[in-house]
Amino acid sequence: MQIESDQTVCPACGAEGLEIFPVLHHMMCAYVGPQYDFAPAAAGYICPKCRRDIVSGDLACESWGQARAVSDVARR
C-alpha cells in the first residue's frame, strides 16, 4: 500500500499518529527491523538478533529503507 510522506492517518484502520522511521538491515546475521529495535551503543547500535555491536556507517549494517506505523502501535 502506497503511503505519502506527509500522511498522518493510517489508511488501513484510520488511526491518527502515523510516523516514519528507518529500517535497518544487519548484514552479518540478516536481521531486518525498525531502527528502534536496535539498542543504542557508544559507536552505533546493538543488533537485537545476534547482540553484536554495529558501528555507525559500517557496511555490516546499512539503512534499508523506511517504514510507517501508528505511534502507539510501532513500539509494542
C-alpha atoms as a PDB file:
ATOM      1  CA  MET A   1       0.000   0.000   0.000  1.00  0.00           C
ATOM      2  CA  GLN A   2       1.453   3.366  -1.000  1.00  0.00           C
ATOM      3  CA  ILE A   3       1.577   5.925   1.808  1.00  0.00           C
ATOM      4  CA  GLU A   4       2.523   9.526   1.118  1.00  0.00           C
ATOM      5  CA  SER A   5       5.325  11.104   3.164  1.00  0.00           C
ATOM      6  CA  ASP A   6       3.010  13.756   4.635  1.00  0.00           C
ATOM      7  CA  GLN A   7       0.217  11.317   5.529  1.00  0.00           C
ATOM      8  CA  THR A   8      -0.553  11.157   9.271  1.00  0.00           C
ATOM      9  CA  VAL A   9      -3.581   8.819   9.281  1.00  0.00           C
ATOM     10  CA  CYS A  10      -3.323   5.050   8.756  1.00  0.00           C
ATOM     11  CA  PRO A  11      -5.145   4.148   5.525  1.00  0.00           C
ATOM     12  CA  ALA A  12      -5.984   0.656   6.834  1.00  0.00           C
ATOM     13  CA  CYS A  13      -7.534   1.433  10.238  1.00  0.00           C
ATOM     14  CA  GLY A  14      -7.891   5.243  10.270  1.00  0.00           C
ATOM     15  CA  ALA A  15      -5.754   5.676  13.405  1.00  0.00           C
ATOM     16  CA  GLU A  16      -4.011   9.027  13.841  1.00  0.00           C
ATOM     17  CA  GLY A  17      -0.294   9.455  14.574  1.00  0.00           C
ATOM     18  CA  LEU A  18       1.311   7.715  11.593  1.00  0.00           C
ATOM     19  CA  GLU A  19       5.078   8.226  11.764  1.00  0.00           C
ATOM     20  CA  ILE A  20       8.018   7.376   9.525  1.00  0.00           C
ATOM     21  CA  PHE A  21      11.048   5.502  10.881  1.00  0.00           C
ATOM     22  CA  PRO A  22      14.181   3.969   9.300  1.00  0.00           C
ATOM     23  CA  VAL A  23      14.517   0.233   8.754  1.00  0.00           C
ATOM     24  CA  LEU A  24      17.998  -1.255   9.210  1.00  0.00           C
ATOM     25  CA  HIS A  25      19.482  -4.450   7.775  1.00  0.00           C
ATOM     26  CA  HIS A  26      22.291  -6.137   9.733  1.00  0.00           C
ATOM     27  CA  MET A  27      24.210  -7.945   7.017  1.00  0.00           C
ATOM     28  CA  MET A  28      26.106 -10.265   9.417  1.00  0.00           C
ATOM     29  CA  CYS A  29      23.002 -12.080  10.712  1.00  0.00           C
ATOM     30  CA  ALA A  30      20.422 -10.919   8.130  1.00  0.00           C
ATOM     31  CA  TYR A  31      18.165  -9.219  10.697  1.00  0.00           C
ATOM     32  CA  VAL A  32      15.896  -6.557   9.202  1.00  0.00           C
ATOM     33  CA  GLY A  33      13.879  -4.385  11.544  1.00  0.00           C
ATOM     34  CA  PRO A  34      12.938  -0.871  12.580  1.00  0.00           C
ATOM     35  CA  GLN A  35      15.714   1.310  13.999  1.00  0.00           C
ATOM     36  CA  TYR A  36      14.020   1.374  17.425  1.00  0.00           C
ATOM     37  CA  ASP A  37      14.607  -2.419  17.709  1.00  0.00           C
ATOM     38  CA  PHE A  38      18.378  -1.781  17.677  1.00  0.00           C
ATOM     39  CA  ALA A  39      19.622  -0.674  21.105  1.00  0.00           C
ATOM     40  CA  PRO A  40      21.876   2.400  21.068  1.00  0.00           C
ATOM     41  CA  ALA A  41      25.576   1.768  21.781  1.00  0.00           C
ATOM     42  CA  ALA A  42      28.619   4.042  22.095  1.00  0.00           C
ATOM     43  CA  ALA A  43      29.680   3.532  18.472  1.00  0.00           C
ATOM     44  CA  GLY A  44      26.268   2.876  16.902  1.00  0.00           C
ATOM     45  CA  TYR A  45      23.776   0.099  17.667  1.00  0.00           C
ATOM     46  CA  ILE A  46      23.424  -3.412  19.077  1.00  0.00           C
ATOM     47  CA  CYS A  47      21.647  -5.942  16.879  1.00  0.00           C
ATOM     48  CA  PRO A  48      18.537  -7.372  18.619  1.00  0.00           C
ATOM     49  CA  LYS A  49      19.032 -10.780  16.972  1.00  0.00           C
ATOM     50  CA  CYS A  50      22.742 -11.566  17.398  1.00  0.00           C
ATOM     51  CA  ARG A  51      23.616  -8.927  20.062  1.00  0.00           C
ATOM     52  CA  ARG A  52      26.735  -7.787  18.160  1.00  0.00           C
ATOM     53  CA  ASP A  53      27.847  -4.166  18.202  1.00  0.00           C
ATOM     54  CA  ILE A  54      27.283  -2.359  14.923  1.00  0.00           C
ATOM     55  CA  VAL A  55      29.447   0.658  14.186  1.00  0.00           C
ATOM     56  CA  SER A  56      27.502   3.503  12.554  1.00  0.00           C
ATOM     57  CA  GLY A  57      28.366   3.724   8.875  1.00  0.00           C
ATOM     58  CA  ASP A  58      29.736   0.154   8.838  1.00  0.00           C
ATOM     59  CA  LEU A  59      28.813  -1.866   5.754  1.00  0.00           C
ATOM     60  CA  ALA A  60      27.749  -4.756   8.044  1.00  0.00           C
ATOM     61  CA  CYS A  61      24.593  -2.754   8.779  1.00  0.00           C
ATOM     62  CA  GLU A  62      23.021  -0.467   6.295  1.00  0.00           C
ATOM     63  CA  SER A  63      19.851   1.577   6.180  1.00  0.00           C
ATOM     64  CA  TRP A  64      17.487  -0.469   4.088  1.00  0.00           C
ATOM     65  CA  GLY A  65      14.539   1.845   3.749  1.00  0.00           C
ATOM     66  CA  GLN A  66      11.663   3.410   5.606  1.00  0.00           C
ATOM     67  CA  ALA A  67       8.507   2.084   7.170  1.00  0.00           C
ATOM     68  CA  ARG A  68       5.459   3.703   8.668  1.00  0.00           C
ATOM     69  CA  ALA A  69       3.401   2.766  11.716  1.00  0.00           C
ATOM     70  CA  VAL A  70       0.965   4.407  14.058  1.00  0.00           C
ATOM     71  CA  SER A  71       2.979   5.747  17.019  1.00  0.00           C
ATOM     72  CA  ASP A  72       1.342   3.747  19.804  1.00  0.00           C
ATOM     73  CA  VAL A  73       1.450   0.516  17.764  1.00  0.00           C
ATOM     74  CA  ALA A  74       5.029   0.885  16.487  1.00  0.00           C
ATOM     75  CA  ARG A  75       6.744   0.222  19.818  1.00  0.00           C
ATOM     76  CA  ARG A  76       4.652  -2.676  21.174  1.00  0.00           C
END
